[in-house]
Amino acid sequence: MEPGVSEWFARRSSRSADWPPRLLRESKGATSVSVVLPALDEASTVGGIVEVIRRDLMDVTHPLVDEVVVLDSGSTDATAVVAAGAGARVVHRDDVLPDVPSVPGKGEALWRSLAATSGDIVVFIDADLIGFRSAFVTGLLGPLLTDPSVQFVKAMYDRPLIDGSVALSDGGGRVTELVARPLLNLHWPQLARFVQPLAGEYAAHRHLLERLPFATGYGVEIALLIDALHEVGLDAMAQVDLGERRHRHHTDLRLGRMAAEIWQTTLARLHQDGDLQTVEPTLTQFVRDGSRYLPVTHDVTALERPPMVSVLGDERLPGR
């Protein structure tokens, strides 16, 4: 583990409860905040999320959020109608930068949202969350509004896998644990202490986001994490524990496609860095200990033995 990363984990990790709205209102000043929900066929959940944001953070005496925008990626259900009815400004993907032909993908919606919003801070929230709480937004805003040196904040949380009436406490982050975490640990060890590197809930200063490229698909989250590290450094990044995140789960086939996009995105950045051979043979994973996460680092050095013929020689191999 790179020196200083353990210290960063302790200093730059916090909980949503550490950032009460009162404290944030005192710190907000003239800073404007946009909340963006990228959405594709999320009529069953998007309205409830918008309603909570408006009730708790906008329709109050001292608002913390200045606008909530649902960036619709071409929904065929009632997503746009429901979101507008709940009080969001709904913008269709194709109506933003109309001279630039749009492509499918979550990252495309997030990228175009920068041209459709005006906040000094942009907060991204997935539109499929179940049981959404306004602390998701205030938690992400906390480090950005109170510490000028912080420019990028990522959510961390437990992700139970819901199977009928059964909730598996740690089964909801399969692509994270099987693809994203090993890749980051091996090639970008500075990012190994991010608990949820693929979290769809994160916030950043606009001036940073506008300087970063956006992968158009599911690789957008890991790409922004890596590119933000290169742009501003680890100490300008933070993470906030939001407790638990529940959402609609994807099929294994769709998760496979997501994993492929993440691999492609990270490989492109490895080529840009110019060294595919340098790896850090450790893997940091996380276990919940009450109100905090504990990092546990394992040695995952992959050793290989030479062909047996090079050890014994042709004449000593059985059957020769």
C-alpha atoms as a PDB file:
ATOM      1  CA  MET A   1       0.000   0.000   0.000  1.00  0.00           C
ATOM      2  CA  GLU A   2       1.384   3.380  -0.983  1.00  0.00           C
ATOM      3  CA  PRO A   3       2.565   5.485   1.992  1.00  0.00           C
ATOM      4  CA  GLY A   4      -0.049   7.988   3.113  1.00  0.00           C
ATOM      5  CA  VAL A   5      -3.100   6.147   1.791  1.00  0.00           C
ATOM      6  CA  SER A   6      -3.982   4.661   5.191  1.00  0.00           C
ATOM      7  CA  GLU A   7      -3.793   8.123   6.738  1.00  0.00           C
ATOM      8  CA  TRP A   8      -5.977   9.443   3.916  1.00  0.00           C
ATOM      9  CA  PHE A   9      -8.636   6.816   4.683  1.00  0.00           C
ATOM     10  CA  ALA A  10      -8.928   7.981   8.273  1.00  0.00           C
ATOM     11  CA  ARG A  11      -8.887  11.701   7.460  1.00  0.00           C
ATOM     12  CA  ARG A  12     -10.975  11.798   4.300  1.00  0.00           C
ATOM     13  CA  SER A  13     -13.675   9.267   5.272  1.00  0.00           C
ATOM     14  CA  SER A  14     -16.752  10.501   7.115  1.00  0.00           C
ATOM     15  CA  ARG A  15     -20.412   9.654   7.732  1.00  0.00           C
ATOM     16  CA  SER A  16     -23.505  11.466   6.510  1.00  0.00           C
ATOM     17  CA  ALA A  17     -24.381  12.179  10.157  1.00  0.00           C
ATOM     18  CA  ASP A  18     -21.216  14.295  10.364  1.00  0.00           C
ATOM     19  CA  TRP A  19     -22.782  16.808   7.979  1.00  0.00           C
ATOM     20  CA  PRO A  20     -26.104  18.107   9.411  1.00  0.00           C
ATOM     21  CA  PRO A  21     -28.013  20.525   7.184  1.00  0.00           C
ATOM     22  CA  ARG A  22     -27.517  23.344   9.710  1.00  0.00           C
ATOM     23  CA  LEU A  23     -23.738  23.145   9.326  1.00  0.00           C
ATOM     24  CA  LEU A  24     -23.985  23.039   5.540  1.00  0.00           C
ATOM     25  CA  ARG A  25     -26.289  26.054   5.371  1.00  0.00           C
ATOM     26  CA  GLU A  26     -23.719  28.040   7.361  1.00  0.00           C
ATOM     27  CA  SER A  27     -21.008  26.997   4.911  1.00  0.00           C
ATOM     28  CA  LYS A  28     -22.886  27.213   1.604  1.00  0.00           C
ATOM     29  CA  GLY A  29     -22.770  30.957   1.104  1.00  0.00           C
ATOM     30  CA  ALA A  30     -23.214  31.875  -2.562  1.00  0.00           C
ATOM     31  CA  THR A  31     -22.247  28.389  -3.795  1.00  0.00           C
ATOM     32  CA  SER A  32     -24.954  26.913  -6.027  1.00  0.00           C
ATOM     33  CA  VAL A  33     -25.779  23.202  -6.100  1.00  0.00           C
ATOM     34  CA  SER A  34     -27.289  21.114  -8.898  1.00  0.00           C
ATOM     35  CA  VAL A  35     -28.545  17.568  -8.311  1.00  0.00           C
ATOM     36  CA  VAL A  36     -28.630  15.390 -11.429  1.00  0.00           C
ATOM     37  CA  LEU A  37     -30.522  12.104 -11.766  1.00  0.00           C
ATOM     38  CA  PRO A  38     -29.651  10.202 -14.966  1.00  0.00           C
ATOM     39  CA  ALA A  39     -32.706   8.113 -15.770  1.00  0.00           C
ATOM     40  CA  LEU A  40     -33.796   5.418 -18.194  1.00  0.00           C
ATOM     41  CA  ASP A  41     -37.181   3.835 -17.469  1.00  0.00           C
ATOM     42  CA  GLU A  42     -37.183   4.603 -13.736  1.00  0.00           C
ATOM     43  CA  ALA A  43     -40.814   5.705 -13.328  1.00  0.00           C
ATOM     44  CA  SER A  44     -41.286   3.563 -10.219  1.00  0.00           C
ATOM     45  CA  THR A  45     -38.571   5.307  -8.185  1.00  0.00           C
ATOM     46  CA  VAL A  46     -37.568   8.653  -9.698  1.00  0.00           C
ATOM     47  CA  GLY A  47     -40.595  10.553  -8.405  1.00  0.00           C
ATOM     48  CA  GLY A  48     -40.006   9.611  -4.777  1.00  0.00           C
ATOM     49  CA  ILE A  49     -36.356  10.696  -4.973  1.00  0.00           C
ATOM     50  CA  VAL A  50     -37.259  14.074  -6.464  1.00  0.00           C
ATOM     51  CA  GLU A  51     -39.986  14.620  -3.859  1.00  0.00           C
ATOM     52  CA  VAL A  52     -37.565  14.042  -0.975  1.00  0.00           C
ATOM     53  CA  ILE A  53     -34.971  16.409  -2.446  1.00  0.00           C
ATOM     54  CA  ARG A  54     -37.543  19.132  -2.983  1.00  0.00           C
ATOM     55  CA  ARG A  55     -39.173  18.690   0.437  1.00  0.00           C
ATOM     56  CA  ASP A  56     -36.002  18.568   2.526  1.00  0.00           C
ATOM     57  CA  LEU A  57     -33.450  20.559   0.555  1.00  0.00           C
ATOM     58  CA  MET A  58     -35.237  22.982  -1.784  1.00  0.00           C
ATOM     59  CA  ASP A  59     -38.679  24.021  -0.527  1.00  0.00           C
ATOM     60  CA  VAL A  60     -37.269  25.301   2.757  1.00  0.00           C
ATOM     61  CA  THR A  61     -36.252  28.680   4.149  1.00  0.00           C
ATOM     62  CA  HIS A  62     -32.563  28.185   3.404  1.00  0.00           C
ATOM     63  CA  PRO A  63     -32.251  25.777   0.458  1.00  0.00           C
ATOM     64  CA  LEU A  64     -29.183  23.599   0.100  1.00  0.00           C
ATOM     65  CA  VAL A  65     -30.060  22.526  -3.450  1.00  0.00           C
ATOM     66  CA  ASP A  66     -30.752  25.084  -6.156  1.00  0.00           C
ATOM     67  CA  GLU A  67     -31.974  22.778  -8.921  1.00  0.00           C
ATOM     68  CA  VAL A  68     -32.816  19.117  -9.444  1.00  0.00           C
ATOM     69  CA  VAL A  69     -32.572  17.890 -13.021  1.00  0.00           C
ATOM     70  CA  VAL A  70     -33.623  14.515 -14.380  1.00  0.00           C
ATOM     71  CA  LEU A  71     -31.601  13.756 -17.505  1.00  0.00           C
ATOM     72  CA  ASP A  72     -33.802  11.336 -19.424  1.00  0.00           C
ATOM     73  CA  SER A  73     -31.911   8.972 -21.717  1.00  0.00           C
ATOM     74  CA  GLY A  74     -34.937   8.080 -23.843  1.00  0.00           C
ATOM     75  CA  SER A  75     -37.294   6.378 -21.419  1.00  0.00           C
ATOM     76  CA  THR A  76     -40.246   4.502 -22.876  1.00  0.00           C
ATOM     77  CA  ASP A  77     -42.204   4.529 -19.606  1.00  0.00           C
ATOM     78  CA  ALA A  78     -43.581   7.486 -17.628  1.00  0.00           C
ATOM     79  CA  THR A  79     -40.235   8.562 -16.161  1.00  0.00           C
ATOM     80  CA  ALA A  80     -40.378  12.082 -17.594  1.00  0.00           C
ATOM     81  CA  VAL A  81     -43.992  12.671 -16.537  1.00  0.00           C
ATOM     82  CA  VAL A  82     -43.464  11.336 -13.026  1.00  0.00           C
ATOM     83  CA  ALA A  83     -40.246  13.316 -12.512  1.00  0.00           C
ATOM     84  CA  ALA A  84     -41.789  16.563 -13.724  1.00  0.00           C
ATOM     85  CA  GLY A  85     -44.848  15.996 -11.564  1.00  0.00           C
ATOM     86  CA  ALA A  86     -42.599  15.587  -8.522  1.00  0.00           C
ATOM     87  CA  GLY A  87     -40.924  18.925  -9.217  1.00  0.00           C
ATOM     88  CA  ALA A  88     -37.832  18.140 -11.269  1.00  0.00           C
ATOM     89  CA  ARG A  89     -36.744  19.892 -14.403  1.00  0.00           C
ATOM     90  CA  VAL A  90     -36.703  17.100 -16.983  1.00  0.00           C
ATOM     91  CA  VAL A  91     -34.285  17.355 -19.878  1.00  0.00           C
ATOM     92  CA  HIS A  92     -34.098  14.802 -22.669  1.00  0.00           C
ATOM     93  CA  ARG A  93     -30.607  13.675 -23.587  1.00  0.00           C
ATOM     94  CA  ASP A  94     -31.067  14.574 -27.269  1.00  0.00           C
ATOM     95  CA  ASP A  95     -32.104  18.146 -26.448  1.00  0.00           C
ATOM     96  CA  VAL A  96     -28.745  18.927 -24.823  1.00  0.00           C
ATOM     97  CA  LEU A  97     -26.001  19.872 -27.295  1.00  0.00           C
ATOM     98  CA  PRO A  98     -28.292  18.949 -30.204  1.00  0.00           C
ATOM     99  CA  ASP A  99     -25.462  19.469 -32.714  1.00  0.00           C
ATOM    100  CA  VAL A 100     -23.523  16.606 -31.091  1.00  0.00           C
ATOM    101  CA  PRO A 101     -25.161  13.255 -31.996  1.00  0.00           C
ATOM    102  CA  SER A 102     -25.987  11.361 -28.816  1.00  0.00           C
ATOM    103  CA  VAL A 103     -25.116   7.756 -28.029  1.00  0.00           C
ATOM    104  CA  PRO A 104     -26.707   5.414 -25.491  1.00  0.00           C
ATOM    105  CA  GLY A 105     -25.197   5.088 -22.036  1.00  0.00           C
ATOM    106  CA  LYS A 106     -25.263   6.438 -18.516  1.00  0.00           C
ATOM    107  CA  GLY A 107     -21.998   8.315 -18.943  1.00  0.00           C
ATOM    108  CA  GLU A 108     -23.410  10.113 -21.953  1.00  0.00           C
ATOM    109  CA  ALA A 109     -26.275  11.423 -19.818  1.00  0.00           C
ATOM    110  CA  LEU A 110     -23.918  12.553 -17.064  1.00  0.00           C
ATOM    111  CA  TRP A 111     -21.654  14.322 -19.548  1.00  0.00           C
ATOM    112  CA  ARG A 112     -24.536  16.159 -21.201  1.00  0.00           C
ATOM    113  CA  SER A 113     -25.930  17.149 -17.800  1.00  0.00           C
ATOM    114  CA  LEU A 114     -22.978  19.518 -17.377  1.00  0.00           C
ATOM    115  CA  ALA A 115     -24.354  21.542 -20.287  1.00  0.00           C
ATOM    116  CA  ALA A 116     -27.890  21.424 -18.862  1.00  0.00           C
ATOM    117  CA  THR A 117     -27.122  22.589 -15.310  1.00  0.00           C
ATOM    118  CA  SER A 118     -25.452  25.608 -13.731  1.00  0.00           C
ATOM    119  CA  GLY A 119     -24.508  24.667 -10.153  1.00  0.00           C
ATOM    120  CA  ASP A 120     -21.003  25.296  -8.851  1.00  0.00           C
ATOM    121  CA  ILE A 121     -21.262  21.816  -7.313  1.00  0.00           C
ATOM    122  CA  VAL A 122     -22.898  18.935  -9.175  1.00  0.00           C
ATOM    123  CA  VAL A 123     -24.315  15.967  -7.249  1.00  0.00           C
ATOM    124  CA  PHE A 124     -25.074  12.777  -9.173  1.00  0.00           C
ATOM    125  CA  ILE A 125     -27.729  10.439  -7.758  1.00  0.00           C
ATOM    126  CA  ASP A 126     -28.920   7.236  -9.443  1.00  0.00           C
ATOM    127  CA  ALA A 127     -32.636   7.256 -10.216  1.00  0.00           C
ATOM    128  CA  ASP A 128     -33.359   3.651  -9.174  1.00  0.00           C
ATOM    129  CA  LEU A 129     -32.785   4.049  -5.419  1.00  0.00           C
ATOM    130  CA  ILE A 130     -35.333   2.544  -3.041  1.00  0.00           C
ATOM    131  CA  GLY A 131     -35.937   4.250   0.304  1.00  0.00           C
ATOM    132  CA  PHE A 132     -33.948   7.338  -0.716  1.00  0.00           C
ATOM    133  CA  ARG A 133     -33.011   9.792   2.047  1.00  0.00           C
ATOM    134  CA  SER A 134     -31.932  13.411   1.681  1.00  0.00           C
ATOM    135  CA  ALA A 135     -28.826  12.526   3.737  1.00  0.00           C
ATOM    136  CA  PHE A 136     -27.493  11.009   0.513  1.00  0.00           C
ATOM    137  CA  VAL A 137     -27.202  14.549  -0.852  1.00  0.00           C
ATOM    138  CA  THR A 138     -26.165  16.350   2.330  1.00  0.00           C
ATOM    139  CA  GLY A 139     -23.542  13.718   3.076  1.00  0.00           C
ATOM    140  CA  LEU A 140     -21.913  14.212  -0.322  1.00  0.00           C
ATOM    141  CA  LEU A 141     -22.091  17.994   0.003  1.00  0.00           C
ATOM    142  CA  GLY A 142     -20.502  18.058   3.455  1.00  0.00           C
ATOM    143  CA  PRO A 143     -16.787  17.843   2.569  1.00  0.00           C
ATOM    144  CA  LEU A 144     -17.202  20.042  -0.519  1.00  0.00           C
ATOM    145  CA  LEU A 145     -18.970  22.887   1.294  1.00  0.00           C
ATOM    146  CA  THR A 146     -16.805  22.888   4.406  1.00  0.00           C
ATOM    147  CA  ASP A 147     -13.295  22.202   3.073  1.00  0.00           C
ATOM    148  CA  PRO A 148     -12.017  24.199   0.079  1.00  0.00           C
ATOM    149  CA  SER A 149      -9.298  21.610  -0.576  1.00  0.00           C
ATOM    150  CA  VAL A 150     -11.845  18.848  -1.351  1.00  0.00           C
ATOM    151  CA  GLN A 151     -13.013  18.719  -4.970  1.00  0.00           C
ATOM    152  CA  PHE A 152     -14.471  15.212  -5.450  1.00  0.00           C
ATOM    153  CA  VAL A 153     -16.577  13.150  -3.010  1.00  0.00           C
ATOM    154  CA  LYS A 154     -17.666   9.541  -3.469  1.00  0.00           C
ATOM    155  CA  ALA A 155     -20.397   7.683  -1.583  1.00  0.00           C
ATOM    156  CA  MET A 156     -19.772   4.477   0.329  1.00  0.00           C
ATOM    157  CA  TYR A 157     -22.484   2.218   1.737  1.00  0.00           C
ATOM    158  CA  ASP A 158     -23.661  -1.326   2.293  1.00  0.00           C
ATOM    159  CA  ARG A 159     -25.300  -2.870  -0.784  1.00  0.00           C
ATOM    160  CA  PRO A 160     -27.599  -5.752   0.178  1.00  0.00           C
ATOM    161  CA  LEU A 161     -28.729  -8.123  -2.545  1.00  0.00           C
ATOM    162  CA  ILE A 162     -32.508  -8.459  -2.388  1.00  0.00           C
ATOM    163  CA  ASP A 163     -33.770 -11.891  -3.421  1.00  0.00           C
ATOM    164  CA  GLY A 164     -37.510 -12.005  -2.889  1.00  0.00           C
ATOM    165  CA  SER A 165     -38.041 -11.520   0.829  1.00  0.00           C
ATOM    166  CA  VAL A 166     -34.392 -12.286   1.653  1.00  0.00           C
ATOM    167  CA  ALA A 167     -31.721  -9.578   1.881  1.00  0.00           C
ATOM    168  CA  LEU A 168     -28.102 -10.735   1.609  1.00  0.00           C
ATOM    169  CA  SER A 169     -26.114  -8.111   3.464  1.00  0.00           C
ATOM    170  CA  ASP A 170     -23.091  -7.989   1.163  1.00  0.00           C
ATOM    171  CA  GLY A 171     -24.233  -9.464  -2.134  1.00  0.00           C
ATOM    172  CA  GLY A 172     -25.108  -6.329  -4.088  1.00  0.00           C
ATOM    173  CA  GLY A 173     -21.668  -5.281  -5.298  1.00  0.00           C
ATOM    174  CA  ARG A 174     -20.637  -8.130  -7.566  1.00  0.00           C
ATOM    175  CA  VAL A 175     -18.987  -6.120 -10.336  1.00  0.00           C
ATOM    176  CA  THR A 176     -17.237  -3.973  -7.738  1.00  0.00           C
ATOM    177  CA  GLU A 177     -15.715  -6.921  -5.894  1.00  0.00           C
ATOM    178  CA  LEU A 178     -14.933  -9.081  -8.915  1.00  0.00           C
ATOM    179  CA  VAL A 179     -13.755  -6.466 -11.416  1.00  0.00           C
ATOM    180  CA  ALA A 180     -13.340  -2.878 -10.228  1.00  0.00           C
ATOM    181  CA  ARG A 181     -11.658  -3.427  -6.868  1.00  0.00           C
ATOM    182  CA  PRO A 182      -8.978  -5.827  -8.156  1.00  0.00           C
ATOM    183  CA  LEU A 183      -8.207  -3.511 -11.084  1.00  0.00           C
ATOM    184  CA  LEU A 184      -7.791  -0.457  -8.877  1.00  0.00           C
ATOM    185  CA  ASN A 185      -5.743  -2.292  -6.268  1.00  0.00           C
ATOM    186  CA  LEU A 186      -3.374  -3.671  -8.877  1.00  0.00           C
ATOM    187  CA  HIS A 187      -2.880  -0.597 -11.016  1.00  0.00           C
ATOM    188  CA  TRP A 188      -4.007   2.456  -8.993  1.00  0.00           C
ATOM    189  CA  PRO A 189      -3.227   1.536  -5.368  1.00  0.00           C
ATOM    190  CA  GLN A 190      -3.907   5.102  -4.245  1.00  0.00           C
ATOM    191  CA  LEU A 191      -7.590   4.420  -4.967  1.00  0.00           C
ATOM    192  CA  ALA A 192      -7.651   1.099  -3.106  1.00  0.00           C
ATOM    193  CA  ARG A 193      -9.237   2.661  -0.014  1.00  0.00           C
ATOM    194  CA  PHE A 194     -12.396   3.797  -1.814  1.00  0.00           C
ATOM    195  CA  VAL A 195     -15.052   1.467  -0.420  1.00  0.00           C
ATOM    196  CA  GLN A 196     -17.477   1.829  -3.351  1.00  0.00           C
ATOM    197  CA  PRO A 197     -15.489   2.858  -6.436  1.00  0.00           C
ATOM    198  CA  LEU A 198     -18.484   2.268  -8.740  1.00  0.00           C
ATOM    199  CA  ALA A 199     -20.985   4.173  -6.593  1.00  0.00           C
ATOM    200  CA  GLY A 200     -23.462   6.117  -8.697  1.00  0.00           C
ATOM    201  CA  GLU A 201     -23.730   8.726  -5.953  1.00  0.00           C
ATOM    202  CA  TYR A 202     -20.928  11.281  -5.959  1.00  0.00           C
ATOM    203  CA  ALA A 203     -20.381  15.015  -6.131  1.00  0.00           C
ATOM    204  CA  ALA A 204     -17.711  17.363  -7.402  1.00  0.00           C
ATOM    205  CA  HIS A 205     -16.965  20.958  -8.192  1.00  0.00           C
ATOM    206  CA  ARG A 206     -18.073  21.863 -11.689  1.00  0.00           C
ATOM    207  CA  HIS A 207     -14.675  23.264 -12.612  1.00  0.00           C
ATOM    208  CA  LEU A 208     -13.188  19.788 -12.063  1.00  0.00           C
ATOM    209  CA  LEU A 209     -15.911  17.836 -13.879  1.00  0.00           C
ATOM    210  CA  GLU A 210     -15.670  20.100 -16.913  1.00  0.00           C
ATOM    211  CA  ARG A 211     -11.964  19.230 -17.257  1.00  0.00           C
ATOM    212  CA  LEU A 212     -12.486  15.460 -17.210  1.00  0.00           C
ATOM    213  CA  PRO A 213     -13.423  13.128 -20.086  1.00  0.00           C
ATOM    214  CA  PHE A 214     -16.562  11.035 -19.576  1.00  0.00           C
ATOM    215  CA  ALA A 215     -16.811   7.398 -20.655  1.00  0.00           C
ATOM    216  CA  THR A 216     -20.250   7.171 -22.230  1.00  0.00           C
ATOM    217  CA  GLY A 217     -21.286   3.841 -20.689  1.00  0.00           C
ATOM    218  CA  TYR A 218     -20.982   2.006 -17.390  1.00  0.00           C
ATOM    219  CA  GLY A 219     -17.267   2.702 -17.217  1.00  0.00           C
ATOM    220  CA  VAL A 220     -17.976   6.329 -16.332  1.00  0.00           C
ATOM    221  CA  GLU A 221     -17.677   5.946 -12.554  1.00  0.00           C
ATOM    222  CA  ILE A 222     -14.299   4.215 -12.488  1.00  0.00           C
ATOM    223  CA  ALA A 223     -13.019   6.514 -15.235  1.00  0.00           C
ATOM    224  CA  LEU A 224     -13.926   9.662 -13.307  1.00  0.00           C
ATOM    225  CA  LEU A 225     -12.299   8.260 -10.170  1.00  0.00           C
ATOM    226  CA  ILE A 226      -9.022   7.536 -11.986  1.00  0.00           C
ATOM    227  CA  ASP A 227      -9.036  10.776 -13.954  1.00  0.00           C
ATOM    228  CA  ALA A 228      -9.844  12.890 -10.882  1.00  0.00           C
ATOM    229  CA  LEU A 229      -6.869  11.298  -9.119  1.00  0.00           C
ATOM    230  CA  HIS A 230      -4.594  12.322 -11.985  1.00  0.00           C
ATOM    231  CA  GLU A 231      -6.117  15.803 -12.201  1.00  0.00           C
ATOM    232  CA  VAL A 232      -6.252  16.890  -8.540  1.00  0.00           C
ATOM    233  CA  GLY A 233      -4.527  14.189  -6.473  1.00  0.00           C
ATOM    234  CA  LEU A 234      -5.773  11.908  -3.714  1.00  0.00           C
ATOM    235  CA  ASP A 235      -5.899  14.555  -0.994  1.00  0.00           C
ATOM    236  CA  ALA A 236      -8.541  16.500  -2.944  1.00  0.00           C
ATOM    237  CA  MET A 237     -10.818  13.443  -2.879  1.00  0.00           C
ATOM    238  CA  ALA A 238     -13.006  12.102  -0.072  1.00  0.00           C
ATOM    239  CA  GLN A 239     -15.725   9.534   0.665  1.00  0.00           C
ATOM    240  CA  VAL A 240     -18.822   9.604   2.871  1.00  0.00           C
ATOM    241  CA  ASP A 241     -20.649   6.665   4.446  1.00  0.00           C
ATOM    242  CA  LEU A 242     -24.352   6.910   3.551  1.00  0.00           C
ATOM    243  CA  GLY A 243     -25.370   3.766   5.414  1.00  0.00           C
ATOM    244  CA  GLU A 244     -27.274   1.455   3.103  1.00  0.00           C
ATOM    245  CA  ARG A 245     -28.202   1.665  -0.551  1.00  0.00           C
ATOM    246  CA  ARG A 246     -31.055  -0.381  -2.026  1.00  0.00           C
ATOM    247  CA  HIS A 247     -31.845  -0.405  -5.709  1.00  0.00           C
ATOM    248  CA  ARG A 248     -33.020  -2.534  -8.597  1.00  0.00           C
ATOM    249  CA  HIS A 249     -30.525  -5.296  -9.389  1.00  0.00           C
ATOM    250  CA  HIS A 250     -29.377  -6.344 -12.830  1.00  0.00           C
ATOM    251  CA  THR A 251     -29.211  -9.792 -14.390  1.00  0.00           C
ATOM    252  CA  ASP A 252     -25.883 -11.605 -14.634  1.00  0.00           C
ATOM    253  CA  LEU A 253     -25.901 -11.053 -18.398  1.00  0.00           C
ATOM    254  CA  ARG A 254     -26.193  -7.297 -17.970  1.00  0.00           C
ATOM    255  CA  LEU A 255     -23.564  -7.319 -15.238  1.00  0.00           C
ATOM    256  CA  GLY A 256     -21.271  -9.088 -17.687  1.00  0.00           C
ATOM    257  CA  ARG A 257     -21.719  -6.274 -20.199  1.00  0.00           C
ATOM    258  CA  MET A 258     -21.058  -3.723 -17.466  1.00  0.00           C
ATOM    259  CA  ALA A 259     -17.881  -5.550 -16.482  1.00  0.00           C
ATOM    260  CA  ALA A 260     -16.688  -5.571 -20.093  1.00  0.00           C
ATOM    261  CA  GLU A 261     -17.161  -1.799 -20.380  1.00  0.00           C
ATOM    262  CA  ILE A 262     -15.284  -1.234 -17.124  1.00  0.00           C
ATOM    263  CA  TRP A 263     -12.395  -3.393 -18.337  1.00  0.00           C
ATOM    264  CA  GLN A 264     -12.255  -1.484 -21.614  1.00  0.00           C
ATOM    265  CA  THR A 265     -12.283   1.881 -19.845  1.00  0.00           C
ATOM    266  CA  THR A 266      -9.509   0.955 -17.433  1.00  0.00           C
ATOM    267  CA  LEU A 267      -7.365  -0.646 -20.133  1.00  0.00           C
ATOM    268  CA  ALA A 268      -7.525   2.599 -22.102  1.00  0.00           C
ATOM    269  CA  ARG A 269      -6.171   4.454 -19.079  1.00  0.00           C
ATOM    270  CA  LEU A 270      -3.446   1.893 -18.514  1.00  0.00           C
ATOM    271  CA  HIS A 271      -2.284   2.426 -22.085  1.00  0.00           C
ATOM    272  CA  GLN A 272      -2.320   6.184 -21.509  1.00  0.00           C
ATOM    273  CA  ASP A 273      -0.144   5.739 -18.428  1.00  0.00           C
ATOM    274  CA  GLY A 274       2.298   3.835 -20.639  1.00  0.00           C
ATOM    275  CA  ASP A 275       3.051   0.901 -18.334  1.00  0.00           C
ATOM    276  CA  LEU A 276       0.922  -2.223 -18.326  1.00  0.00           C
ATOM    277  CA  GLN A 277       3.461  -4.229 -16.356  1.00  0.00           C
ATOM    278  CA  THR A 278       3.501  -2.342 -13.055  1.00  0.00           C
ATOM    279  CA  VAL A 279       1.131  -3.910 -10.558  1.00  0.00           C
ATOM    280  CA  GLU A 280       0.667  -3.726  -6.793  1.00  0.00           C
ATOM    281  CA  PRO A 281       0.100  -7.357  -5.666  1.00  0.00           C
ATOM    282  CA  THR A 282      -2.290  -6.547  -2.813  1.00  0.00           C
ATOM    283  CA  LEU A 283      -6.059  -6.379  -2.500  1.00  0.00           C
ATOM    284  CA  THR A 284      -7.804  -4.212   0.085  1.00  0.00           C
ATOM    285  CA  GLN A 285     -11.349  -5.249   0.969  1.00  0.00           C
ATOM    286  CA  PHE A 286     -13.744  -3.839   3.545  1.00  0.00           C
ATOM    287  CA  VAL A 287     -15.788  -5.212   6.412  1.00  0.00           C
ATOM    288  CA  ARG A 288     -18.441  -3.322   8.331  1.00  0.00           C
ATOM    289  CA  ASP A 289     -17.635  -2.816  12.024  1.00  0.00           C
ATOM    290  CA  GLY A 290     -20.589  -1.050  13.586  1.00  0.00           C
ATOM    291  CA  SER A 291     -20.623   2.513  12.304  1.00  0.00           C
ATOM    292  CA  ARG A 292     -17.401   2.278  10.305  1.00  0.00           C
ATOM    293  CA  TYR A 293     -15.612   0.276   7.649  1.00  0.00           C
ATOM    294  CA  LEU A 294     -12.406  -1.571   8.390  1.00  0.00           C
ATOM    295  CA  PRO A 295      -9.960  -2.094   5.506  1.00  0.00           C
ATOM    296  CA  VAL A 296      -8.343  -5.521   5.327  1.00  0.00           C
ATOM    297  CA  THR A 297      -5.405  -5.907   2.936  1.00  0.00           C
ATOM    298  CA  HIS A 298      -4.384  -9.264   1.464  1.00  0.00           C
ATOM    299  CA  ASP A 299      -1.313 -10.325  -0.500  1.00  0.00           C
ATOM    300  CA  VAL A 300      -2.555 -11.570  -3.882  1.00  0.00           C
ATOM    301  CA  THR A 301       0.806 -12.152  -5.537  1.00  0.00           C
ATOM    302  CA  ALA A 302       0.239 -14.511  -8.456  1.00  0.00           C
ATOM    303  CA  LEU A 303       3.215 -16.865  -8.704  1.00  0.00           C
ATOM    304  CA  GLU A 304       3.826 -19.189 -11.642  1.00  0.00           C
ATOM    305  CA  ARG A 305       5.964 -22.316 -11.852  1.00  0.00           C
ATOM    306  CA  PRO A 306       8.039 -22.971 -14.982  1.00  0.00           C
ATOM    307  CA  PRO A 307       7.204 -25.871 -17.304  1.00  0.00           C
ATOM    308  CA  MET A 308       8.178 -29.121 -15.596  1.00  0.00           C
ATOM    309  CA  VAL A 309      10.381 -30.062 -18.524  1.00  0.00           C
ATOM    310  CA  SER A 310      12.661 -27.169 -17.626  1.00  0.00           C
ATOM    311  CA  VAL A 311      13.044 -28.560 -14.085  1.00  0.00           C
ATOM    312  CA  LEU A 312      13.397 -32.284 -14.690  1.00  0.00           C
ATOM    313  CA  GLY A 313      14.541 -32.347 -18.264  1.00  0.00           C
ATOM    314  CA  ASP A 314      13.048 -34.541 -20.999  1.00  0.00           C
ATOM    315  CA  GLU A 315      14.831 -37.689 -19.829  1.00  0.00           C
ATOM    316  CA  ARG A 316      13.403 -37.565 -16.271  1.00  0.00           C
ATOM    317  CA  LEU A 317       9.747 -37.020 -17.115  1.00  0.00           C
ATOM    318  CA  PRO A 318       7.476 -40.005 -16.472  1.00  0.00           C
ATOM    319  CA  GLY A 319       6.795 -42.040 -19.594  1.00  0.00           C
ATOM    320  CA  ARG A 320       9.948 -40.906 -21.336  1.00  0.00           C
END
